[in-house]
Protein backbone atom coordinates (compact mmCIF):
# COMPACT_ATOMS: atom_id res chain seq x y z
CA MET A 1 2.45 -14.33 26.73
CA SER A 2 2.87 -17.01 29.80
CA ILE A 3 5.65 -17.71 32.94
CA ALA A 4 6.84 -20.76 33.69
CA ARG A 5 8.34 -21.60 37.11
CA HIS A 6 10.36 -25.17 38.25
CA ILE A 7 9.65 -27.10 41.34
CA GLU A 8 11.97 -29.89 42.35
CA VAL A 9 9.74 -32.85 43.66
CA SER A 10 11.04 -36.68 44.55
CA ALA A 11 9.01 -39.65 44.23
CA GLU A 12 9.33 -43.17 44.28
CA SER A 13 7.35 -46.60 43.37
CA SER A 14 8.09 -50.26 43.79
CA LYS A 15 6.12 -50.68 40.38
CA GLY A 16 8.32 -49.39 38.10
CA PHE A 17 10.61 -46.30 36.56
CA GLU A 18 7.36 -44.62 34.51
CA ASP A 19 5.03 -45.59 37.88
CA ALA A 20 7.43 -43.10 39.95
CA CYS A 21 7.50 -40.41 37.08
CA GLN A 22 3.64 -40.71 37.17
CA GLN A 23 3.51 -40.42 41.02
CA ALA A 24 5.43 -37.24 41.38
CA ILE A 25 3.37 -35.74 38.32
CA THR A 26 -0.10 -36.62 40.81
CA ASP A 27 1.22 -35.81 43.82
CA ALA A 28 2.26 -32.36 42.71
CA SER A 29 -0.97 -31.63 40.50
CA GLU A 30 -2.83 -31.49 43.90
CA THR A 31 -1.38 -28.08 44.22
CA LEU A 32 -0.05 -27.23 41.13
CA HIS A 33 -2.48 -26.66 37.55
CA GLY A 34 -0.79 -26.36 34.08
CA ILE A 35 2.00 -28.60 34.74
CA LYS A 36 3.89 -29.22 31.47
CA GLN A 37 6.53 -31.39 31.76
CA LEU A 38 8.55 -33.25 34.43
CA TYR A 39 12.41 -33.23 33.70
CA ILE A 40 14.36 -36.56 35.47
CA LYS A 41 17.46 -35.19 36.92
CA ASN A 42 18.60 -38.48 38.76
CA VAL A 43 17.25 -42.38 39.19
CA LEU A 44 18.05 -44.55 42.02
CA CYS A 45 17.31 -48.21 42.10
CA GLU A 46 17.06 -50.21 45.27
CA VAL A 47 18.31 -53.79 44.92
CA ASN A 48 17.41 -56.73 47.13
CA GLU A 49 19.58 -59.35 48.13
CA GLN A 50 18.23 -61.74 44.96
CA ASN A 51 19.32 -58.59 42.61
CA ARG A 52 16.27 -58.00 41.81
CA ILE A 53 15.21 -53.78 41.69
CA VAL A 54 12.50 -53.36 44.28
CA ASN A 55 12.18 -49.71 44.59
CA TRP A 56 12.59 -46.52 42.20
CA ARG A 57 13.08 -43.27 42.89
CA VAL A 58 13.25 -40.61 40.49
CA ASN A 59 14.66 -37.07 41.45
CA GLY A 60 13.66 -33.89 39.02
CA LYS A 61 11.68 -30.54 38.63
CA ILE A 62 8.30 -30.08 37.35
CA THR A 63 7.63 -26.89 35.11
CA PHE A 64 4.19 -25.31 35.01
CA VAL A 65 2.86 -22.43 33.66
CA VAL A 66 1.76 -19.60 35.70
CA GLU A 67 -2.14 -18.61 35.84
CA ARG A 68 -2.60 -14.58 35.72
CA GLN A 69 -5.85 -13.01 37.22
CA LYS A 70 -7.57 -11.20 34.99
CA GLN A 71 -8.44 -7.80 35.73
């Protein structure tokens, strides 16, 4: 049996939605192992004067499996 935990994360990218999601996972993976999923709670897009999206920001939860120490 495994135990899963969730943490809340925020990330952003000027490249697009998928890149912002990948940034969240990449940054979290520096300290977490066993990441299983990213649930996006909301997305914010910043728009410039020409009505173009210039930045994507995602807020969500990352689920990861807690590693147990072997005894």
